[in-house]
């Protein structure tokens, strides 16, 4: 089976062209291929499939084999893959996901290859039942108080098609123990479908630093939907404005804008090929 390894800001996934190949058990395959010692090594598996209503369809599976609704870094790589591998000859591409249809705008270089992708992520979901999160404040959820390993946090909750819990911390986020606290919050009973957990340091209203504990994957170098959720939470808590915000992650920087005209979140960032391979197992 042929596969391609790609990454966006260090958020790395294995991509399979399902226009040409068929996968019987993607959940089991995701766990096997994602293993960084006995497999290829990745944050998960992405299938690129035909769609009846869009240019293509994306399914993604975390390294623990669970299927996720969306991933902002992964979908940018989908756009680069289908364009640069000449599956779809467009620079504006529609992608069907479990979180709805996403529109990708590709920035091309002089050779016609994709150098960055802007994704219309749609409107952030702020209603507690739709995120989902069990909280007294229904919309928006800005003051959810939870404890993890003896430390108290205040979370804002946002869905970008997948659930996120965002907390703002005063210390330098690069020294923060994300695994210790994030692993507990991920499975807290307030989150019926678990949650991604973001720890955010505000540099100023146009610059955030973020680390993320991803649901089903652990800490990753980047999370596109998480960066979008963090900017949403920052605006709701008067820590950022609607103009573009640079979100600095361990693997790179994403530019996020919560547009005032259509209320949509726009995410811009890189997408890169790492290598092609053949899975023999």
Protein backbone atom coordinates (compact mmCIF):
# COMPACT_ATOMS: atom_id res chain seq x y z
CA UNK A 1 0.00 0.00 0.00
CA UNK A 2 1.37 3.38 -1.00
CA UNK A 3 1.30 6.27 1.50
CA UNK A 4 2.62 9.80 1.86
CA UNK A 5 3.88 11.45 5.03
CA UNK A 6 3.06 15.17 5.34
CA UNK A 7 3.21 17.80 8.06
CA UNK A 8 1.79 21.22 8.82
CA UNK A 9 3.66 23.08 11.56
CA UNK A 10 5.00 19.74 12.76
CA UNK A 11 1.53 18.17 13.08
CA UNK A 12 2.37 15.05 11.05
CA UNK A 13 -0.04 12.62 9.43
CA UNK A 14 0.07 9.69 7.04
CA UNK A 15 -2.01 10.29 3.89
CA UNK A 16 -3.50 7.62 1.65
CA UNK A 17 -4.92 8.33 -1.79
CA UNK A 18 -8.25 6.51 -1.69
CA UNK A 19 -9.06 7.62 -5.21
CA UNK A 20 -6.73 4.74 -6.10
CA UNK A 21 -6.66 2.48 -3.02
CA UNK A 22 -9.22 1.01 -0.61
CA UNK A 23 -8.75 0.65 3.15
CA UNK A 24 -10.86 -1.96 4.98
CA UNK A 25 -10.07 -1.08 8.61
CA UNK A 26 -8.68 2.47 8.87
CA UNK A 27 -8.90 2.54 12.68
CA UNK A 28 -6.59 -0.44 13.10
CA UNK A 29 -4.32 0.81 10.33
CA UNK A 30 -4.04 4.23 12.01
CA UNK A 31 -2.84 2.69 15.27
CA UNK A 32 -0.33 0.42 13.52
CA UNK A 33 1.14 3.00 11.13
CA UNK A 34 1.22 5.84 13.67
CA UNK A 35 3.42 3.92 16.11
CA UNK A 36 6.73 5.80 16.19
CA UNK A 37 8.75 2.68 17.07
CA UNK A 38 7.15 -0.12 15.05
CA UNK A 39 5.30 1.83 12.35
CA UNK A 40 5.82 4.91 10.21
CA UNK A 41 5.27 7.31 13.09
CA UNK A 42 2.64 10.07 13.01
CA UNK A 43 -0.11 11.88 14.88
CA UNK A 44 -2.63 9.89 12.86
CA UNK A 45 -3.94 8.69 9.50
CA UNK A 46 -5.82 10.70 6.85
CA UNK A 47 -7.78 9.12 4.00
CA UNK A 48 -8.39 11.26 0.90
CA UNK A 49 -11.53 9.97 -0.80
CA UNK A 50 -13.92 10.86 -3.62
CA UNK A 51 -16.97 12.89 -2.59
CA UNK A 52 -20.44 13.16 -4.11
CA UNK A 53 -20.81 16.83 -3.10
CA UNK A 54 -17.25 18.24 -2.89
CA UNK A 55 -13.95 18.00 -4.72
CA UNK A 56 -12.83 15.37 -2.21
CA UNK A 57 -13.60 13.91 1.20
CA UNK A 58 -11.30 13.63 4.20
CA UNK A 59 -11.46 11.08 7.02
CA UNK A 60 -8.93 11.27 9.82
CA UNK A 61 -8.02 8.86 12.59
CA UNK A 62 -5.93 9.64 15.66
CA UNK A 63 -2.95 7.54 16.67
CA UNK A 64 -5.14 5.77 19.25
CA UNK A 65 -7.42 4.61 16.35
CA UNK A 66 -10.34 6.95 17.20
CA UNK A 67 -11.90 8.89 14.33
CA UNK A 68 -11.87 12.69 14.66
CA UNK A 69 -14.15 15.24 13.03
CA UNK A 70 -11.51 17.61 11.68
CA UNK A 71 -7.91 18.78 11.86
CA UNK A 72 -6.86 22.17 10.55
CA UNK A 73 -3.24 21.22 9.88
CA UNK A 74 -4.25 17.95 8.21
CA UNK A 75 -6.79 19.57 5.89
CA UNK A 76 -4.21 22.05 4.61
CA UNK A 77 -2.05 19.08 3.67
CA UNK A 78 -5.05 17.49 1.92
CA UNK A 79 -5.31 20.62 -0.22
CA UNK A 80 -1.63 20.48 -1.17
CA UNK A 81 -1.80 16.75 -1.85
CA UNK A 82 -4.77 16.79 -4.24
CA UNK A 83 -3.48 19.87 -6.08
CA UNK A 84 0.24 19.12 -6.33
CA UNK A 85 -0.39 15.42 -7.14
CA UNK A 86 -2.77 16.61 -9.88
CA UNK A 87 -5.90 14.91 -8.57
CA UNK A 88 -7.78 18.22 -8.59
CA UNK A 89 -6.74 21.05 -10.89
CA UNK A 90 -8.04 24.00 -8.84
CA UNK A 91 -6.60 26.52 -6.41
CA UNK A 92 -9.92 26.77 -4.53
CA UNK A 93 -10.94 23.35 -3.26
CA UNK A 94 -13.97 22.09 -1.32
CA UNK A 95 -13.40 19.27 1.18
CA UNK A 96 -16.11 17.19 2.86
CA UNK A 97 -15.38 16.41 6.54
CA UNK A 98 -17.32 15.16 9.55
CA UNK A 99 -17.30 18.80 10.70
CA UNK A 100 -18.94 19.99 7.47
CA UNK A 101 -17.66 21.31 4.15
CA UNK A 102 -14.45 23.35 4.30
CA UNK A 103 -13.20 25.66 1.54
CA UNK A 104 -9.45 25.85 0.93
CA UNK A 105 -7.65 28.62 -0.96
CA UNK A 106 -4.18 27.65 -2.12
CA UNK A 107 -1.28 30.06 -2.55
CA UNK A 108 0.94 28.80 -5.38
CA UNK A 109 4.56 29.54 -6.26
CA UNK A 110 5.90 30.29 -9.75
CA UNK A 111 6.04 26.55 -10.48
CA UNK A 112 2.39 26.07 -9.57
CA UNK A 113 3.12 24.23 -6.33
CA UNK A 114 1.29 24.96 -3.08
CA UNK A 115 3.25 26.98 -0.52
CA UNK A 116 0.46 27.81 1.94
CA UNK A 117 -3.26 27.22 2.39
CA UNK A 118 -6.03 29.39 3.85
CA UNK A 119 -8.95 27.42 5.21
CA UNK A 120 -12.42 28.83 5.81
CA UNK A 121 -13.10 27.03 9.08
CA UNK A 122 -16.67 28.33 9.36
CA UNK A 123 -18.24 29.88 12.43
CA UNK A 124 -17.01 28.83 15.86
CA UNK A 125 -19.55 26.83 17.85
CA UNK A 126 -20.17 28.38 21.26
CA UNK A 127 -23.30 26.65 22.54
CA UNK A 128 -22.50 24.22 25.36
CA UNK A 129 -24.71 21.40 24.07
CA UNK A 130 -23.17 21.58 20.61
CA UNK A 131 -19.52 21.67 21.73
CA UNK A 132 -20.39 19.49 23.79
CA UNK A 133 -19.61 20.48 27.38
CA UNK A 134 -21.61 20.28 30.59
CA UNK A 135 -21.54 23.82 31.97
CA UNK A 136 -23.86 26.32 33.62
CA UNK A 137 -23.14 29.12 31.17
CA UNK A 138 -24.71 27.94 27.92
CA UNK A 139 -23.23 30.31 25.32
CA UNK A 140 -20.48 31.27 25.38
CA UNK A 141 -18.83 29.04 27.97
CA UNK A 142 -16.11 31.29 29.43
CA UNK A 143 -15.85 30.43 33.10
CA UNK A 144 -15.72 26.66 33.45
CA UNK A 145 -13.68 26.02 36.60
CA UNK A 146 -11.90 22.66 36.68
CA UNK A 147 -9.07 21.19 38.72
CA UNK A 148 -6.24 18.98 37.53
CA UNK A 149 -3.54 17.48 39.74
CA UNK A 150 -4.25 19.99 42.52
CA UNK A 151 -4.23 23.07 40.29
CA UNK A 152 -7.32 25.14 39.46
CA UNK A 153 -8.02 26.38 35.93
CA UNK A 154 -10.69 28.49 34.24
CA UNK A 155 -11.63 27.24 30.77
CA UNK A 156 -13.39 28.75 27.79
CA UNK A 157 -14.96 26.10 25.56
CA UNK A 158 -15.27 26.27 21.78
CA UNK A 159 -15.95 23.78 19.01
CA UNK A 160 -14.45 24.08 15.55
CA UNK A 161 -16.23 20.88 14.58
CA UNK A 162 -14.31 19.21 17.42
CA UNK A 163 -14.31 20.21 21.10
CA UNK A 164 -11.67 22.45 22.68
CA UNK A 165 -11.10 23.67 26.22
CA UNK A 166 -8.85 26.74 26.40
CA UNK A 167 -7.19 28.19 29.48
CA UNK A 168 -4.94 31.25 29.68
CA UNK A 169 -1.87 30.95 31.88
CA UNK A 170 0.48 33.62 33.24
CA UNK A 171 3.73 31.64 33.09
CA UNK A 172 5.86 30.86 30.03
CA UNK A 173 3.96 28.14 28.18
CA UNK A 174 7.17 26.49 26.93
CA UNK A 175 7.90 25.35 30.50
CA UNK A 176 4.35 24.24 31.26
CA UNK A 177 3.63 20.56 32.07
CA UNK A 178 1.05 19.98 29.34
CA UNK A 179 0.91 16.19 29.74
CA UNK A 180 0.38 16.33 33.51
CA UNK A 181 -2.61 18.64 33.38
CA UNK A 182 -3.93 18.10 29.86
CA UNK A 183 -4.30 14.33 30.14
CA UNK A 184 -6.62 14.77 33.12
CA UNK A 185 -8.74 17.54 31.58
CA UNK A 186 -9.15 15.58 28.30
CA UNK A 187 -11.24 12.92 30.04
CA UNK A 188 -12.98 15.13 32.60
CA UNK A 189 -16.66 14.25 33.05
CA UNK A 190 -17.72 17.73 31.85
CA UNK A 191 -16.76 16.66 28.31
CA UNK A 192 -19.07 13.90 26.98
CA UNK A 193 -16.85 13.29 23.92
CA UNK A 194 -13.57 14.16 25.68
CA UNK A 195 -11.82 17.37 24.62
CA UNK A 196 -8.69 18.89 23.17
CA UNK A 197 -6.97 21.05 25.78
CA UNK A 198 -5.08 24.27 24.97
CA UNK A 199 -2.79 26.18 27.34
CA UNK A 200 -2.27 29.72 26.07
CA UNK A 201 0.13 32.53 26.93
CA UNK A 202 -0.95 35.99 25.70
CA UNK A 203 2.01 38.02 24.46
CA UNK A 204 -0.23 40.81 23.17
CA UNK A 205 -3.54 41.14 21.30
CA UNK A 206 -1.94 40.04 18.02
CA UNK A 207 0.32 37.30 19.35
CA UNK A 208 -0.50 34.14 21.30
CA UNK A 209 1.68 31.21 22.30
CA UNK A 210 -0.10 27.87 22.59
CA UNK A 211 0.57 24.27 23.49
CA UNK A 212 -2.02 21.59 22.99
CA UNK A 213 -2.96 18.23 24.44
CA UNK A 214 -4.93 16.61 21.62
CA UNK A 215 -7.79 14.25 22.29
CA UNK A 216 -6.66 10.76 21.32
CA UNK A 217 -3.12 11.78 20.36
CA UNK A 218 -1.43 13.42 23.38
CA UNK A 219 0.68 16.55 22.99
CA UNK A 220 1.34 17.47 19.37
CA UNK A 221 3.52 20.17 17.82
CA UNK A 222 0.49 21.99 16.41
CA UNK A 223 -3.29 21.93 16.17
CA UNK A 224 -5.07 24.06 13.57
CA UNK A 225 -8.56 23.80 15.01
CA UNK A 226 -7.02 24.45 18.42
CA UNK A 227 -5.36 27.65 17.20
CA UNK A 228 -8.74 28.79 15.83
CA UNK A 229 -10.46 27.96 19.10
CA UNK A 230 -7.78 29.82 21.08
CA UNK A 231 -8.23 33.01 19.06
CA UNK A 232 -12.01 32.72 19.50
CA UNK A 233 -11.56 32.35 23.26
CA UNK A 234 -9.08 35.25 23.33
CA UNK A 235 -11.58 37.54 21.58
CA UNK A 236 -14.39 36.46 23.92
CA UNK A 237 -12.17 37.22 26.91
CA UNK A 238 -10.97 40.58 25.49
CA UNK A 239 -7.42 39.30 25.09
CA UNK A 240 -7.41 39.70 21.28
CA UNK A 241 -9.34 41.52 18.58
CA UNK A 242 -10.87 40.46 15.27
CA UNK A 243 -7.80 41.43 13.24
CA UNK A 244 -5.38 38.59 12.30
CA UNK A 245 -3.59 36.99 15.25
CA UNK A 246 -0.30 35.11 15.06
CA UNK A 247 -0.55 31.86 17.03
CA UNK A 248 2.87 30.45 17.86
CA UNK A 249 2.94 26.68 18.35
CA UNK A 250 5.82 24.32 19.02
CA UNK A 251 5.97 23.40 15.33
CA UNK A 252 5.48 26.81 13.73
CA UNK A 253 3.11 29.76 13.44
CA UNK A 254 -0.45 29.99 12.12
CA UNK A 255 -2.32 33.17 11.24
CA UNK A 256 -5.91 33.17 12.47
CA UNK A 257 -8.61 35.75 11.75
CA UNK A 258 -12.15 35.80 13.17
CA UNK A 259 -13.76 37.85 10.42
CA UNK A 260 -16.35 40.38 11.56
CA UNK A 261 -18.25 40.43 8.25
CA UNK A 262 -19.19 36.74 7.96
CA UNK A 263 -18.27 35.58 11.49
CA UNK A 264 -16.06 32.85 9.98
CA UNK A 265 -12.63 31.82 11.22
CA UNK A 266 -9.87 31.85 8.59
CA UNK A 267 -6.67 29.90 9.18
CA UNK A 268 -3.52 30.32 7.07
CA UNK A 269 -0.43 28.17 7.35
CA UNK A 270 2.05 25.86 5.62
CA UNK A 271 1.68 22.32 4.31
CA UNK A 272 4.67 20.20 3.32
CA UNK A 273 5.50 16.78 1.93
CA UNK A 274 7.91 14.72 4.04
CA UNK A 275 8.26 11.49 2.04
CA UNK A 276 6.46 8.74 0.12
CA UNK A 277 6.57 5.12 1.17
CA UNK A 278 5.10 1.63 0.86
CA UNK A 279 3.46 -0.15 3.81
CA UNK A 280 4.31 -3.85 3.68
CA UNK A 281 2.54 -5.21 6.77
